[in-house]
Amino acid sequence: MSDGLNVLGGPLEPCGFDPLTGFWRDGSCRTGGDDLGVHAVCAVMTDEFLDYSAKVGNDLSTPRPEYGFSGLVAGDRWCLCADRWQQAVEAGMAPRVVLEATHALALEFCSLDALRTHAVDA
Protein backbone atom coordinates (compact mmCIF):
# COMPACT_ATOMS: atom_id res chain seq x y z
CA MET A 1 0.00 0.00 0.00
CA SER A 2 1.32 3.41 -0.91
CA ASP A 3 0.10 6.89 -0.04
CA GLY A 4 2.35 8.11 -2.84
CA LEU A 5 2.15 11.05 -5.13
CA ASN A 6 -0.47 12.33 -7.48
CA VAL A 7 -0.06 12.46 -11.27
CA LEU A 8 1.29 16.03 -11.01
CA GLY A 9 4.09 14.94 -8.66
CA GLY A 10 2.58 16.47 -5.52
CA PRO A 11 1.11 14.82 -2.43
CA LEU A 12 -1.97 12.71 -3.09
CA GLU A 13 -5.08 14.58 -1.94
CA PRO A 14 -8.31 12.90 -0.81
CA CYS A 15 -10.84 12.00 -3.49
CA GLY A 16 -14.10 11.71 -1.58
CA PHE A 17 -15.73 10.90 1.73
CA ASP A 18 -19.44 10.92 0.79
CA PRO A 19 -19.65 8.33 -0.57
CA LEU A 20 -16.52 6.94 1.02
CA THR A 21 -14.26 5.90 -1.85
CA GLY A 22 -10.92 4.20 -2.38
CA PHE A 23 -9.87 0.58 -2.45
CA TRP A 24 -9.44 0.75 1.33
CA ARG A 25 -12.56 2.95 1.73
CA ASP A 26 -10.53 5.72 3.31
CA GLY A 27 -11.42 8.53 0.88
CA SER A 28 -8.15 8.27 -1.05
CA CYS A 29 -7.15 6.74 -4.38
CA ARG A 30 -4.10 5.16 -2.74
CA THR A 31 -3.11 1.97 -4.48
CA GLY A 32 -0.63 -0.86 -4.27
CA GLY A 33 -0.37 -4.24 -2.60
CA ASP A 34 -3.75 -5.99 -2.70
CA ASP A 35 -5.35 -3.44 -5.06
CA LEU A 36 -5.07 -5.50 -8.23
CA GLY A 37 -7.57 -3.21 -9.97
CA VAL A 38 -5.38 -0.13 -9.37
CA HIS A 39 -8.22 2.12 -8.13
CA ALA A 40 -6.10 5.19 -8.83
CA VAL A 41 -8.19 7.67 -10.85
CA CYS A 42 -10.30 10.13 -8.88
CA ALA A 43 -13.26 10.64 -11.20
CA VAL A 44 -16.39 12.77 -10.95
CA MET A 45 -19.34 10.63 -11.96
CA THR A 46 -21.71 11.60 -14.76
CA ASP A 47 -24.95 9.94 -15.82
CA GLU A 48 -23.34 9.12 -19.16
CA PHE A 49 -20.33 7.42 -17.58
CA LEU A 50 -22.47 5.49 -15.08
CA ASP A 51 -24.64 4.20 -17.96
CA TYR A 52 -21.54 3.29 -19.96
CA SER A 53 -19.92 1.54 -17.00
CA ALA A 54 -23.03 -0.57 -16.40
CA LYS A 55 -23.12 -1.55 -20.09
CA VAL A 56 -19.52 -2.80 -19.94
CA GLY A 57 -20.16 -4.85 -16.81
CA ASN A 58 -19.45 -2.57 -13.86
CA ASP A 59 -22.75 -1.27 -12.46
CA LEU A 60 -21.80 1.53 -10.09
CA SER A 61 -25.32 2.96 -9.73
CA THR A 62 -27.21 0.08 -8.14
CA PRO A 63 -27.07 0.04 -4.33
CA ARG A 64 -25.44 -3.06 -2.86
CA PRO A 65 -26.29 -2.85 0.86
CA GLU A 66 -24.63 -6.22 1.53
CA TYR A 67 -21.34 -4.45 0.74
CA GLY A 68 -22.23 -1.15 2.39
CA PHE A 69 -22.50 0.46 -1.07
CA SER A 70 -25.34 2.91 -1.66
CA GLY A 71 -24.75 3.32 -5.40
CA LEU A 72 -23.26 6.31 -7.18
CA VAL A 73 -24.99 9.29 -8.75
CA ALA A 74 -23.76 12.07 -11.02
CA GLY A 75 -21.48 14.42 -9.11
CA ASP A 76 -20.08 11.76 -6.76
CA ARG A 77 -16.30 11.38 -6.68
CA TRP A 78 -15.07 7.80 -6.96
CA CYS A 79 -11.71 6.05 -7.32
CA LEU A 80 -11.91 4.21 -10.62
CA CYS A 81 -9.64 1.47 -11.85
CA ALA A 82 -7.09 3.13 -14.11
CA ASP A 83 -7.61 0.66 -16.95
CA ARG A 84 -11.42 1.15 -16.79
CA TRP A 85 -10.95 4.93 -17.03
CA GLN A 86 -8.65 4.44 -20.03
CA GLN A 87 -11.25 2.17 -21.62
CA ALA A 88 -13.83 4.94 -21.14
CA VAL A 89 -11.44 7.45 -22.78
CA GLU A 90 -11.16 5.22 -25.82
CA ALA A 91 -14.96 4.93 -25.97
CA GLY A 92 -15.42 8.70 -25.64
CA MET A 93 -17.18 8.26 -22.29
CA ALA A 94 -14.51 9.23 -19.73
CA PRO A 95 -15.64 11.24 -16.73
CA ARG A 96 -13.72 14.27 -15.48
CA VAL A 97 -10.83 13.62 -13.09
CA VAL A 98 -9.32 15.38 -10.10
CA LEU A 99 -5.61 15.39 -10.89
CA GLU A 100 -4.44 16.20 -7.36
CA ALA A 101 -6.38 13.18 -6.06
CA THR A 102 -5.35 10.76 -8.85
CA HIS A 103 -2.50 8.46 -7.84
CA ALA A 104 0.70 8.55 -9.93
CA LEU A 105 0.36 4.82 -10.70
CA ALA A 106 -2.52 5.74 -13.01
CA LEU A 107 0.17 6.90 -15.44
CA GLU A 108 1.01 3.25 -16.10
CA PHE A 109 -2.42 2.96 -17.79
CA CYS A 110 -3.33 6.50 -18.87
CA SER A 111 -1.37 9.38 -20.37
CA LEU A 112 -0.96 12.59 -18.43
CA ASP A 113 -2.24 14.43 -21.51
CA ALA A 114 -5.50 12.44 -21.45
CA LEU A 115 -5.89 13.01 -17.72
CA ARG A 116 -5.26 16.75 -18.14
CA THR A 117 -7.77 16.93 -20.99
CA HIS A 118 -10.39 15.47 -18.66
CA ALA A 119 -9.39 17.40 -15.53
CA VAL A 120 -12.18 19.13 -13.63
CA ASP A 121 -10.20 22.36 -13.73
CA ALA A 122 -9.26 22.06 -17.43
Foldseek 3Di string as FASTA:
>chain_A
DDQAFFQVRHGADFQDVVVQEDPVSPRAQDDDDPPPLSLFWWFFDAPQLQVVCVVVPHNQAPADVVVPRGGDYGGHIYRGRLQVQVVCVVVVRHGATARSRGHNVSCVRDPPVSNVVRHPVD
